[in-house]
Amino acid sequence: MADHLDDYMNAVARAMALPLEEAWRPAVRANLEVSLRLARLVDDFPLPDEIVSAAVYST
Protein backbone atom coordinates (compact mmCIF):
# COMPACT_ATOMS: atom_id res chain seq x y z
CA MET A 1 0.00 0.00 0.00
CA ALA A 2 2.90 2.41 0.65
CA ASP A 3 3.64 2.63 -3.07
CA HIS A 4 0.02 3.55 -3.80
CA LEU A 5 0.07 6.13 -1.04
CA ASP A 6 3.31 7.61 -2.37
CA ASP A 7 1.78 7.83 -5.85
CA TYR A 8 -1.37 9.38 -4.41
CA MET A 9 0.56 11.94 -2.34
CA ASN A 10 2.65 12.91 -5.35
CA ALA A 11 -0.40 13.26 -7.60
CA VAL A 12 -2.37 15.34 -5.12
CA ALA A 13 0.61 17.57 -4.36
CA ARG A 14 1.06 18.18 -8.10
CA ALA A 15 -2.64 18.74 -8.72
CA MET A 16 -2.85 21.26 -5.90
CA ALA A 17 0.53 22.81 -6.69
CA LEU A 18 1.64 22.20 -3.11
CA PRO A 19 5.22 21.45 -2.21
CA LEU A 20 5.53 18.22 -0.24
CA GLU A 21 8.66 18.34 1.88
CA GLU A 22 10.44 15.01 2.38
CA ALA A 23 10.31 15.54 6.14
CA TRP A 24 6.49 15.67 6.03
CA ARG A 25 5.98 12.50 4.00
CA PRO A 26 5.85 10.10 6.99
CA ALA A 27 3.24 12.24 8.76
CA VAL A 28 1.15 12.64 5.60
CA ARG A 29 1.32 8.88 4.96
CA ALA A 30 0.31 8.11 8.56
CA ASN A 31 -2.66 10.47 8.26
CA LEU A 32 -3.77 8.85 5.01
CA GLU A 33 -3.45 5.35 6.48
CA VAL A 34 -5.67 6.30 9.43
CA SER A 35 -8.18 8.05 7.15
CA LEU A 36 -8.37 5.00 4.88
CA ARG A 37 -8.78 2.66 7.84
CA LEU A 38 -11.68 4.78 9.18
CA ALA A 39 -13.26 5.03 5.73
CA ARG A 40 -13.12 1.22 5.44
CA LEU A 41 -15.01 0.90 8.74
CA VAL A 42 -17.78 3.17 7.46
CA ASP A 43 -17.88 1.50 4.06
CA ASP A 44 -18.05 -1.99 5.57
CA PHE A 45 -20.84 -1.13 8.04
CA PRO A 46 -23.91 -3.09 6.97
CA LEU A 47 -27.15 -1.16 6.55
CA PRO A 48 -30.57 -2.71 6.08
CA ASP A 49 -32.21 -2.20 2.67
CA GLU A 50 -35.11 -0.27 4.24
CA ILE A 51 -32.84 2.52 5.51
CA VAL A 52 -33.73 5.87 3.95
CA SER A 53 -31.01 8.42 3.40
CA ALA A 54 -31.29 11.83 5.00
CA ALA A 55 -32.74 14.67 3.00
CA VAL A 56 -30.29 16.95 1.25
CA TYR A 57 -30.74 20.65 1.91
CA SER A 58 -29.12 23.34 -0.13
CA THR A 59 -29.20 27.11 0.07
PDB file of N, CA and C in Angstrom:
ATOM      1  N   MET A   1       0.820  -1.193   0.000  1.00  0.00           N
ATOM      2  CA  MET A   1       0.000   0.000   0.000  1.00  0.00           C
ATOM      3  C   MET A   1       0.863   1.255   0.000  1.00  0.00           C
ATOM      4  N   ALA A   2       2.055   1.217   0.565  1.00  0.00           N
ATOM      5  CA  ALA A   2       2.899   2.409   0.652  1.00  0.00           C
ATOM      6  C   ALA A   2       3.180   2.986  -0.725  1.00  0.00           C
ATOM      7  N   ASP A   3       3.390   2.127  -1.726  1.00  0.00           N
ATOM      8  CA  ASP A   3       3.640   2.625  -3.072  1.00  0.00           C
ATOM      9  C   ASP A   3       2.437   3.387  -3.604  1.00  0.00           C
ATOM     10  N   HIS A   4       1.236   2.862  -3.356  1.00  0.00           N
ATOM     11  CA  HIS A   4       0.024   3.546  -3.802  1.00  0.00           C
ATOM     12  C   HIS A   4      -0.141   4.874  -3.076  1.00  0.00           C
ATOM     13  N   LEU A   5       0.176   4.886  -1.797  1.00  0.00           N
ATOM     14  CA  LEU A   5       0.069   6.132  -1.044  1.00  0.00           C
ATOM     15  C   LEU A   5       1.091   7.148  -1.523  1.00  0.00           C
ATOM     16  N   ASP A   6       2.291   6.695  -1.828  1.00  0.00           N
ATOM     17  CA  ASP A   6       3.306   7.610  -2.370  1.00  0.00           C
ATOM     18  C   ASP A   6       2.834   8.198  -3.698  1.00  0.00           C
ATOM     19  N   ASP A   7       2.294   7.348  -4.564  1.00  0.00           N
ATOM     20  CA  ASP A   7       1.776   7.826  -5.851  1.00  0.00           C
ATOM     21  C   ASP A   7       0.647   8.828  -5.637  1.00  0.00           C
ATOM     22  N   TYR A   8      -0.236   8.502  -4.706  1.00  0.00           N
ATOM     23  CA  TYR A   8      -1.369   9.379  -4.411  1.00  0.00           C
ATOM     24  C   TYR A   8      -0.885  10.724  -3.868  1.00  0.00           C
ATOM     25  N   MET A   9       0.032  10.693  -2.912  1.00  0.00           N
ATOM     26  CA  MET A   9       0.556  11.936  -2.339  1.00  0.00           C
ATOM     27  C   MET A   9       1.207  12.791  -3.411  1.00  0.00           C
ATOM     28  N   ASN A  10       1.995  12.175  -4.283  1.00  0.00           N
ATOM     29  CA  ASN A  10       2.651  12.914  -5.354  1.00  0.00           C
ATOM     30  C   ASN A  10       1.631  13.531  -6.304  1.00  0.00           C
ATOM     31  N   ALA A  11       0.614  12.764  -6.670  1.00  0.00           N
ATOM     32  CA  ALA A  11      -0.397  13.262  -7.602  1.00  0.00           C
ATOM     33  C   ALA A  11      -1.193  14.414  -7.002  1.00  0.00           C
ATOM     34  N   VAL A  12      -1.586  14.276  -5.760  1.00  0.00           N
ATOM     35  CA  VAL A  12      -2.366  15.340  -5.119  1.00  0.00           C
ATOM     36  C   VAL A  12      -1.515  16.590  -4.933  1.00  0.00           C
ATOM     37  N   ALA A  13      -0.285  16.418  -4.530  1.00  0.00           N
ATOM     38  CA  ALA A  13       0.606  17.574  -4.361  1.00  0.00           C
ATOM     39  C   ALA A  13       0.777  18.308  -5.692  1.00  0.00           C
ATOM     40  N   ARG A  14       0.950  17.549  -6.782  1.00  0.00           N
ATOM     41  CA  ARG A  14       1.064  18.177  -8.101  1.00  0.00           C
ATOM     42  C   ARG A  14      -0.230  18.867  -8.497  1.00  0.00           C
ATOM     43  N   ALA A  15      -1.351  18.191  -8.318  1.00  0.00           N
ATOM     44  CA  ALA A  15      -2.644  18.744  -8.722  1.00  0.00           C
ATOM     45  C   ALA A  15      -2.972  20.027  -7.963  1.00  0.00           C
ATOM     46  N   MET A  16      -2.561  20.083  -6.715  1.00  0.00           N
ATOM     47  CA  MET A  16      -2.852  21.263  -5.902  1.00  0.00           C
ATOM     48  C   MET A  16      -1.706  22.266  -5.899  1.00  0.00           C
ATOM     49  N   ALA A  17      -0.662  21.949  -6.623  1.00  0.00           N
ATOM     50  CA  ALA A  17       0.528  22.813  -6.693  1.00  0.00           C
ATOM     51  C   ALA A  17       1.068  23.118  -5.300  1.00  0.00           C
ATOM     52  N   LEU A  18       1.119  22.074  -4.474  1.00  0.00           N
ATOM     53  CA  LEU A  18       1.644  22.201  -3.111  1.00  0.00           C
ATOM     54  C   LEU A  18       2.983  21.495  -3.006  1.00  0.00           C
ATOM     55  N   PRO A  19       3.962  22.159  -2.441  1.00  0.00           N
ATOM     56  CA  PRO A  19       5.225  21.455  -2.211  1.00  0.00           C
ATOM     57  C   PRO A  19       5.034  20.430  -1.090  1.00  0.00           C
ATOM     58  N   LEU A  20       5.605  19.265  -1.268  1.00  0.00           N
ATOM     59  CA  LEU A  20       5.529  18.222  -0.237  1.00  0.00           C
ATOM     60  C   LEU A  20       6.949  17.926   0.216  1.00  0.00           C
ATOM     61  N   GLU A  21       7.305  18.504   1.340  1.00  0.00           N
ATOM     62  CA  GLU A  21       8.662  18.339   1.878  1.00  0.00           C
ATOM     63  C   GLU A  21       8.891  16.876   2.257  1.00  0.00           C
ATOM     64  N   GLU A  22      10.080  16.394   2.016  1.00  0.00           N
ATOM     65  CA  GLU A  22      10.442  15.009   2.378  1.00  0.00           C
ATOM     66  C   GLU A  22      10.186  14.745   3.856  1.00  0.00           C
ATOM     67  N   ALA A  23      10.472  15.722   4.691  1.00  0.00           N
ATOM     68  CA  ALA A  23      10.310  15.542   6.136  1.00  0.00           C
ATOM     69  C   ALA A  23       8.850  15.324   6.534  1.00  0.00           C
ATOM     70  N   TRP A  24       7.910  15.804   5.712  1.00  0.00           N
ATOM     71  CA  TRP A  24       6.488  15.673   6.031  1.00  0.00           C
ATOM     72  C   TRP A  24       5.870  14.385   5.518  1.00  0.00           C
ATOM     73  N   ARG A  25       6.551  13.702   4.613  1.00  0.00           N
ATOM     74  CA  ARG A  25       5.977  12.497   4.001  1.00  0.00           C
ATOM     75  C   ARG A  25       5.523  11.437   5.012  1.00  0.00           C
ATOM     76  N   PRO A  26       6.328  11.114   6.036  1.00  0.00           N
ATOM     77  CA  PRO A  26       5.848  10.099   6.994  1.00  0.00           C
ATOM     78  C   PRO A  26       4.563  10.513   7.725  1.00  0.00           C
ATOM     79  N   ALA A  27       4.449  11.774   8.072  1.00  0.00           N
ATOM     80  CA  ALA A  27       3.243  12.242   8.763  1.00  0.00           C
ATOM     81  C   ALA A  27       2.034  12.232   7.832  1.00  0.00           C
ATOM     82  N   VAL A  28       2.236  12.662   6.586  1.00  0.00           N
ATOM     83  CA  VAL A  28       1.146  12.640   5.604  1.00  0.00           C
ATOM     84  C   VAL A  28       0.701  11.209   5.352  1.00  0.00           C
ATOM     85  N   ARG A  29       1.648  10.293   5.194  1.00  0.00           N
ATOM     86  CA  ARG A  29       1.324   8.882   4.964  1.00  0.00           C
ATOM     87  C   ARG A  29       0.552   8.303   6.150  1.00  0.00           C
ATOM     88  N   ALA A  30       0.997   8.619   7.362  1.00  0.00           N
ATOM     89  CA  ALA A  30       0.311   8.111   8.559  1.00  0.00           C
ATOM     90  C   ALA A  30      -1.122   8.624   8.610  1.00  0.00           C
ATOM     91  N   ASN A  31      -1.320   9.891   8.270  1.00  0.00           N
ATOM     92  CA  ASN A  31      -2.660  10.465   8.265  1.00  0.00           C
ATOM     93  C   ASN A  31      -3.536   9.768   7.229  1.00  0.00           C
ATOM     94  N   LEU A  32      -3.000   9.538   6.048  1.00  0.00           N
ATOM     95  CA  LEU A  32      -3.767   8.847   5.009  1.00  0.00           C
ATOM     96  C   LEU A  32      -4.112   7.422   5.417  1.00  0.00           C
ATOM     97  N   GLU A  33      -3.175   6.725   6.044  1.00  0.00           N
ATOM     98  CA  GLU A  33      -3.447   5.351   6.481  1.00  0.00           C
ATOM     99  C   GLU A  33      -4.584   5.310   7.492  1.00  0.00           C
ATOM    100  N   VAL A  34      -4.588   6.244   8.434  1.00  0.00           N
ATOM    101  CA  VAL A  34      -5.667   6.304   9.433  1.00  0.00           C
ATOM    102  C   VAL A  34      -6.986   6.660   8.755  1.00  0.00           C
ATOM    103  N   SER A  35      -6.956   7.644   7.860  1.00  0.00           N
ATOM    104  CA  SER A  35      -8.179   8.045   7.154  1.00  0.00           C
ATOM    105  C   SER A  35      -8.757   6.891   6.345  1.00  0.00           C
ATOM    106  N   LEU A  36      -7.896   6.150   5.662  1.00  0.00           N
ATOM    107  CA  LEU A  36      -8.367   5.005   4.877  1.00  0.00           C
ATOM    108  C   LEU A  36      -8.929   3.903   5.771  1.00  0.00           C
ATOM    109  N   ARG A  37      -8.290   3.676   6.907  1.00  0.00           N
ATOM    110  CA  ARG A  37      -8.784   2.659   7.840  1.00  0.00           C
ATOM    111  C   ARG A  37     -10.173   3.041   8.356  1.00  0.00           C
ATOM    112  N   LEU A  38     -10.365   4.315   8.698  1.00  0.00           N
ATOM    113  CA  LEU A  38     -11.675   4.777   9.180  1.00  0.00           C
ATOM    114  C   LEU A  38     -12.717   4.721   8.065  1.00  0.00           C
ATOM    115  N   ALA A  39     -12.330   5.089   6.862  1.00  0.00           N
ATOM    116  CA  ALA A  39     -13.259   5.025   5.730  1.00  0.00           C
ATOM    117  C   ALA A  39     -13.705   3.588   5.477  1.00  0.00           C
ATOM    118  N   ARG A  40     -12.782   2.640   5.628  1.00  0.00           N
ATOM    119  CA  ARG A  40     -13.123   1.223   5.441  1.00  0.00           C
ATOM    120  C   ARG A  40     -14.163   0.777   6.462  1.00  0.00           C
ATOM    121  N   LEU A  41     -14.035   1.251   7.711  1.00  0.00           N
ATOM    122  CA  LEU A  41     -15.014   0.901   8.739  1.00  0.00           C
ATOM    123  C   LEU A  41     -16.404   1.397   8.361  1.00  0.00           C
ATOM    124  N   VAL A  42     -16.486   2.611   7.873  1.00  0.00           N
ATOM    125  CA  VAL A  42     -17.778   3.171   7.465  1.00  0.00           C
ATOM    126  C   VAL A  42     -18.317   2.419   6.253  1.00  0.00           C
ATOM    127  N   ASP A  43     -17.461   2.182   5.285  1.00  0.00           N
ATOM    128  CA  ASP A  43     -17.879   1.505   4.059  1.00  0.00           C
ATOM    129  C   ASP A  43     -18.335   0.076   4.321  1.00  0.00           C
ATOM    130  N   ASP A  44     -17.716  -0.599   5.270  1.00  0.00           N
ATOM    131  CA  ASP A  44     -18.046  -1.995   5.565  1.00  0.00           C
ATOM    132  C   ASP A  44     -19.238  -2.152   6.511  1.00  0.00           C
ATOM    133  N   PHE A  45     -19.729  -1.045   7.080  1.00  0.00           N
ATOM    134  CA  PHE A  45     -20.836  -1.131   8.038  1.00  0.00           C
ATOM    135  C   PHE A  45     -22.113  -1.512   7.291  1.00  0.00           C
ATOM    136  N   PRO A  46     -22.721  -2.636   7.685  1.00  0.00           N
ATOM    137  CA  PRO A  46     -23.914  -3.089   6.967  1.00  0.00           C
ATOM    138  C   PRO A  46     -25.146  -2.241   7.335  1.00  0.00           C
ATOM    139  N   LEU A  47     -25.898  -1.874   6.341  1.00  0.00           N
ATOM    140  CA  LEU A  47     -27.151  -1.156   6.554  1.00  0.00           C
ATOM    141  C   LEU A  47     -28.289  -1.963   5.950  1.00  0.00           C
ATOM    142  N   PRO A  48     -29.422  -2.001   6.651  1.00  0.00           N
ATOM    143  CA  PRO A  48     -30.571  -2.711   6.085  1.00  0.00           C
ATOM    144  C   PRO A  48     -31.071  -2.005   4.816  1.00  0.00           C
ATOM    145  N   ASP A  49     -31.703  -2.761   3.928  1.00  0.00           N
ATOM    146  CA  ASP A  49     -32.211  -2.203   2.674  1.00  0.00           C
ATOM    147  C   ASP A  49     -33.285  -1.146   2.896  1.00  0.00           C
ATOM    148  N   GLU A  50     -33.998  -1.208   4.023  1.00  0.00           N
ATOM    149  CA  GLU A  50     -35.107  -0.274   4.241  1.00  0.00           C
ATOM    150  C   GLU A  50     -34.646   1.075   4.797  1.00  0.00           C
ATOM    151  N   ILE A  51     -33.375   1.243   5.014  1.00  0.00           N
ATOM    152  CA  ILE A  51     -32.839   2.522   5.508  1.00  0.00           C
ATOM    153  C   ILE A  51     -33.039   3.590   4.431  1.00  0.00           C
ATOM    154  N   VAL A  52     -33.525   4.752   4.870  1.00  0.00           N
ATOM    155  CA  VAL A  52     -33.726   5.867   3.954  1.00  0.00           C
ATOM    156  C   VAL A  52     -32.663   6.915   4.239  1.00  0.00           C
ATOM    157  N   SER A  53     -32.045   7.414   3.190  1.00  0.00           N
ATOM    158  CA  SER A  53     -31.008   8.421   3.400  1.00  0.00           C
ATOM    159  C   SER A  53     -31.625   9.732   3.864  1.00  0.00           C
ATOM    160  N   ALA A  54     -30.823  10.528   4.514  1.00  0.00           N
ATOM    161  CA  ALA A  54     -31.293  11.828   4.996  1.00  0.00           C
ATOM    162  C   ALA A  54     -31.548  12.747   3.820  1.00  0.00           C
ATOM    163  N   ALA A  55     -32.446  13.677   4.041  1.00  0.00           N
ATOM    164  CA  ALA A  55     -32.744  14.667   3.001  1.00  0.00           C
ATOM    165  C   ALA A  55     -31.524  15.541   2.775  1.00  0.00           C
ATOM    166  N   VAL A  56     -31.403  16.055   1.575  1.00  0.00           N
ATOM    167  CA  VAL A  56     -30.290  16.954   1.245  1.00  0.00           C
ATOM    168  C   VAL A  56     -30.868  18.360   1.145  1.00  0.00           C
ATOM    169  N   TYR A  57     -30.300  19.265   1.924  1.00  0.00           N
ATOM    170  CA  TYR A  57     -30.735  20.645   1.909  1.00  0.00           C
ATOM    171  C   TYR A  57     -29.663  21.494   1.256  1.00  0.00           C
ATOM    172  N   SER A  58     -30.080  22.418   0.456  1.00  0.00           N
ATOM    173  CA  SER A  58     -29.125  23.341  -0.130  1.00  0.00           C
ATOM    174  C   SER A  58     -29.674  24.761  -0.010  1.00  0.00           C
ATOM    175  N   THR A  59     -28.763  25.721  -0.067  1.00  0.00           N
ATOM    176  CA  THR A  59     -29.201  27.107   0.069  1.00  0.00           C
ATOM    177  C   THR A  59     -29.118  27.824  -1.248  1.00  0.00           C
TER     178      THR A  59
END
